[in-house]
Amino acid sequence: MIKLIALYRTPDNPAAFDEHYRTVHMPLAQKMPGLRQMEISHMKPVGSAQTTSSYYLMAEMTFDNEQALQEALQSDAGKASARDLQVFAQGLVELYIGTPDD
């Protein structure tokens, strides 16, 4: 298994961001072929000294392997998701590939 991980910094308007994410971006991403699981988490700091987090939201998308992930990203749904990401999250998102330790 391999994961595509998106970390989002706090947007200027969290309510509008969440609405767009739930109603537009997430449905686009869920259409990517080979997507096994998609998990969304709002980020909260741990410990009393830290009151804010560097990140607002994390999305983890699981695929069988790197080839499946690359095919998903090159698909029409993957390209539509990437275009939408540039619209609502430009400057807010960092993307990572997470690979399991063997």
C-alpha atoms as a PDB file:
ATOM      1  CA  MET A   1       0.000   0.000   0.000  1.00  0.00           C
ATOM      2  CA  ILE A   2       1.053   3.579  -0.673  1.00  0.00           C
ATOM      3  CA  LYS A   3      -0.525   6.869   0.394  1.00  0.00           C
ATOM      4  CA  LEU A   4      -0.888  10.267  -1.155  1.00  0.00           C
ATOM      5  CA  ILE A   5      -0.973  12.683   1.781  1.00  0.00           C
ATOM      6  CA  ALA A   6      -2.176  16.281   1.488  1.00  0.00           C
ATOM      7  CA  LEU A   7      -1.456  18.663   4.364  1.00  0.00           C
ATOM      8  CA  TYR A   8      -3.386  21.937   4.315  1.00  0.00           C
ATOM      9  CA  ARG A   9      -2.437  25.055   6.267  1.00  0.00           C
ATOM     10  CA  THR A  10      -5.219  27.053   7.895  1.00  0.00           C
ATOM     11  CA  PRO A  11      -7.228  28.947   5.257  1.00  0.00           C
ATOM     12  CA  ASP A  12      -8.442  32.530   5.716  1.00  0.00           C
ATOM     13  CA  ASN A  13     -12.045  31.293   5.746  1.00  0.00           C
ATOM     14  CA  PRO A  14     -12.181  27.785   7.265  1.00  0.00           C
ATOM     15  CA  ALA A  15     -15.953  27.440   6.815  1.00  0.00           C
ATOM     16  CA  ALA A  16     -15.779  28.225   3.079  1.00  0.00           C
ATOM     17  CA  PHE A  17     -12.746  25.940   2.713  1.00  0.00           C
ATOM     18  CA  ASP A  18     -14.563  23.051   4.427  1.00  0.00           C
ATOM     19  CA  GLU A  19     -17.672  23.562   2.293  1.00  0.00           C
ATOM     20  CA  HIS A  20     -15.672  23.515  -0.943  1.00  0.00           C
ATOM     21  CA  TYR A  21     -13.614  20.552   0.225  1.00  0.00           C
ATOM     22  CA  ARG A  22     -16.701  18.485   1.138  1.00  0.00           C
ATOM     23  CA  THR A  23     -18.910  19.385  -1.819  1.00  0.00           C
ATOM     24  CA  VAL A  24     -16.434  19.858  -4.693  1.00  0.00           C
ATOM     25  CA  HIS A  25     -12.902  18.614  -4.046  1.00  0.00           C
ATOM     26  CA  MET A  26     -13.565  15.410  -2.129  1.00  0.00           C
ATOM     27  CA  PRO A  27     -16.075  14.072  -4.693  1.00  0.00           C
ATOM     28  CA  LEU A  28     -13.529  14.745  -7.475  1.00  0.00           C
ATOM     29  CA  ALA A  29     -10.753  12.940  -5.590  1.00  0.00           C
ATOM     30  CA  GLN A  30     -13.011   9.989  -4.760  1.00  0.00           C
ATOM     31  CA  LYS A  31     -13.481   9.333  -8.492  1.00  0.00           C
ATOM     32  CA  MET A  32      -9.798   8.542  -9.001  1.00  0.00           C
ATOM     33  CA  PRO A  33      -9.375   4.958 -10.203  1.00  0.00           C
ATOM     34  CA  GLY A  34      -7.608   2.633  -7.798  1.00  0.00           C
ATOM     35  CA  LEU A  35      -8.384   4.710  -4.702  1.00  0.00           C
ATOM     36  CA  ARG A  36      -8.830   2.206  -1.866  1.00  0.00           C
ATOM     37  CA  GLN A  37      -9.520   4.560   1.017  1.00  0.00           C
ATOM     38  CA  MET A  38      -9.715   8.287   1.712  1.00  0.00           C
ATOM     39  CA  GLU A  39      -9.470   9.588   5.250  1.00  0.00           C
ATOM     40  CA  ILE A  40      -9.787  13.249   6.253  1.00  0.00           C
ATOM     41  CA  SER A  41      -8.612  14.613   9.619  1.00  0.00           C
ATOM     42  CA  HIS A  42      -8.793  18.136  11.033  1.00  0.00           C
ATOM     43  CA  MET A  43      -5.562  18.863  12.871  1.00  0.00           C
ATOM     44  CA  LYS A  44      -5.362  19.905  16.530  1.00  0.00           C
ATOM     45  CA  PRO A  45      -2.175  20.471  18.508  1.00  0.00           C
ATOM     46  CA  VAL A  46      -1.203  18.197  21.368  1.00  0.00           C
ATOM     47  CA  GLY A  47       0.036  19.628  24.645  1.00  0.00           C
ATOM     48  CA  SER A  48      -0.787  22.746  26.587  1.00  0.00           C
ATOM     49  CA  ALA A  49       2.126  24.869  25.275  1.00  0.00           C
ATOM     50  CA  GLN A  50       0.965  24.781  21.654  1.00  0.00           C
ATOM     51  CA  THR A  51      -2.352  26.507  20.972  1.00  0.00           C
ATOM     52  CA  THR A  52      -2.350  26.488  17.178  1.00  0.00           C
ATOM     53  CA  SER A  53      -1.329  23.951  14.586  1.00  0.00           C
ATOM     54  CA  SER A  54       0.772  24.532  11.498  1.00  0.00           C
ATOM     55  CA  TYR A  55      -1.812  22.489   9.634  1.00  0.00           C
ATOM     56  CA  TYR A  56      -5.581  22.633   9.436  1.00  0.00           C
ATOM     57  CA  LEU A  57      -6.495  19.452   7.579  1.00  0.00           C
ATOM     58  CA  MET A  58      -4.866  16.224   6.423  1.00  0.00           C
ATOM     59  CA  ALA A  59      -6.154  13.963   3.667  1.00  0.00           C
ATOM     60  CA  GLU A  60      -4.752  10.455   3.268  1.00  0.00           C
ATOM     61  CA  MET A  61      -5.565   8.569   0.070  1.00  0.00           C
ATOM     62  CA  THR A  62      -4.521   4.917  -0.080  1.00  0.00           C
ATOM     63  CA  PHE A  63      -3.599   3.034  -3.264  1.00  0.00           C
ATOM     64  CA  ASP A  64      -2.303  -0.499  -3.833  1.00  0.00           C
ATOM     65  CA  ASN A  65       1.106   0.610  -5.142  1.00  0.00           C
ATOM     66  CA  GLU A  66       2.991   3.445  -6.833  1.00  0.00           C
ATOM     67  CA  GLN A  67       1.774   2.452 -10.299  1.00  0.00           C
ATOM     68  CA  ALA A  68      -1.858   2.628  -9.155  1.00  0.00           C
ATOM     69  CA  LEU A  69      -1.195   6.044  -7.607  1.00  0.00           C
ATOM     70  CA  GLN A  70       0.448   7.375 -10.777  1.00  0.00           C
ATOM     71  CA  GLU A  71      -2.398   6.044 -12.940  1.00  0.00           C
ATOM     72  CA  ALA A  72      -4.902   7.742 -10.624  1.00  0.00           C
ATOM     73  CA  LEU A  73      -3.062  11.066 -10.821  1.00  0.00           C
ATOM     74  CA  GLN A  74      -2.928  10.874 -14.635  1.00  0.00           C
ATOM     75  CA  SER A  75      -6.602   9.949 -14.961  1.00  0.00           C
ATOM     76  CA  ASP A  76      -9.278  12.493 -15.882  1.00  0.00           C
ATOM     77  CA  ALA A  77     -10.462  12.474 -12.249  1.00  0.00           C
ATOM     78  CA  GLY A  78      -6.909  12.980 -10.980  1.00  0.00           C
ATOM     79  CA  LYS A  79      -6.338  15.897 -13.337  1.00  0.00           C
ATOM     80  CA  ALA A  80      -9.689  17.468 -12.379  1.00  0.00           C
ATOM     81  CA  SER A  81      -8.794  17.108  -8.704  1.00  0.00           C
ATOM     82  CA  ALA A  82      -5.382  18.744  -9.300  1.00  0.00           C
ATOM     83  CA  ARG A  83      -6.988  21.661 -11.191  1.00  0.00           C
ATOM     84  CA  ASP A  84      -9.466  22.200  -8.367  1.00  0.00           C
ATOM     85  CA  LEU A  85      -6.659  22.076  -5.802  1.00  0.00           C
ATOM     86  CA  GLN A  86      -5.025  25.035  -7.571  1.00  0.00           C
ATOM     87  CA  VAL A  87      -8.289  26.982  -7.307  1.00  0.00           C
ATOM     88  CA  PHE A  88      -9.187  26.651  -3.644  1.00  0.00           C
ATOM     89  CA  ALA A  89      -5.942  25.636  -1.933  1.00  0.00           C
ATOM     90  CA  GLN A  90      -3.143  27.355  -3.833  1.00  0.00           C
ATOM     91  CA  GLY A  91      -0.408  28.225  -1.350  1.00  0.00           C
ATOM     92  CA  LEU A  92      -2.082  26.170   1.395  1.00  0.00           C
ATOM     93  CA  VAL A  93      -1.303  22.579   0.467  1.00  0.00           C
ATOM     94  CA  GLU A  94       1.735  20.314   0.573  1.00  0.00           C
ATOM     95  CA  LEU A  95       1.590  16.866  -1.056  1.00  0.00           C
ATOM     96  CA  TYR A  96       3.598  13.833   0.056  1.00  0.00           C
ATOM     97  CA  ILE A  97       3.837  10.181  -0.879  1.00  0.00           C
ATOM     98  CA  GLY A  98       3.895   7.884   2.127  1.00  0.00           C
ATOM     99  CA  THR A  99       5.467   4.476   1.675  1.00  0.00           C
ATOM    100  CA  PRO A 100       5.375   1.705   4.271  1.00  0.00           C
ATOM    101  CA  ASP A 101       8.535   0.588   6.003  1.00  0.00           C
ATOM    102  CA  ASP A 102       9.309  -2.976   5.053  1.00  0.00           C
END
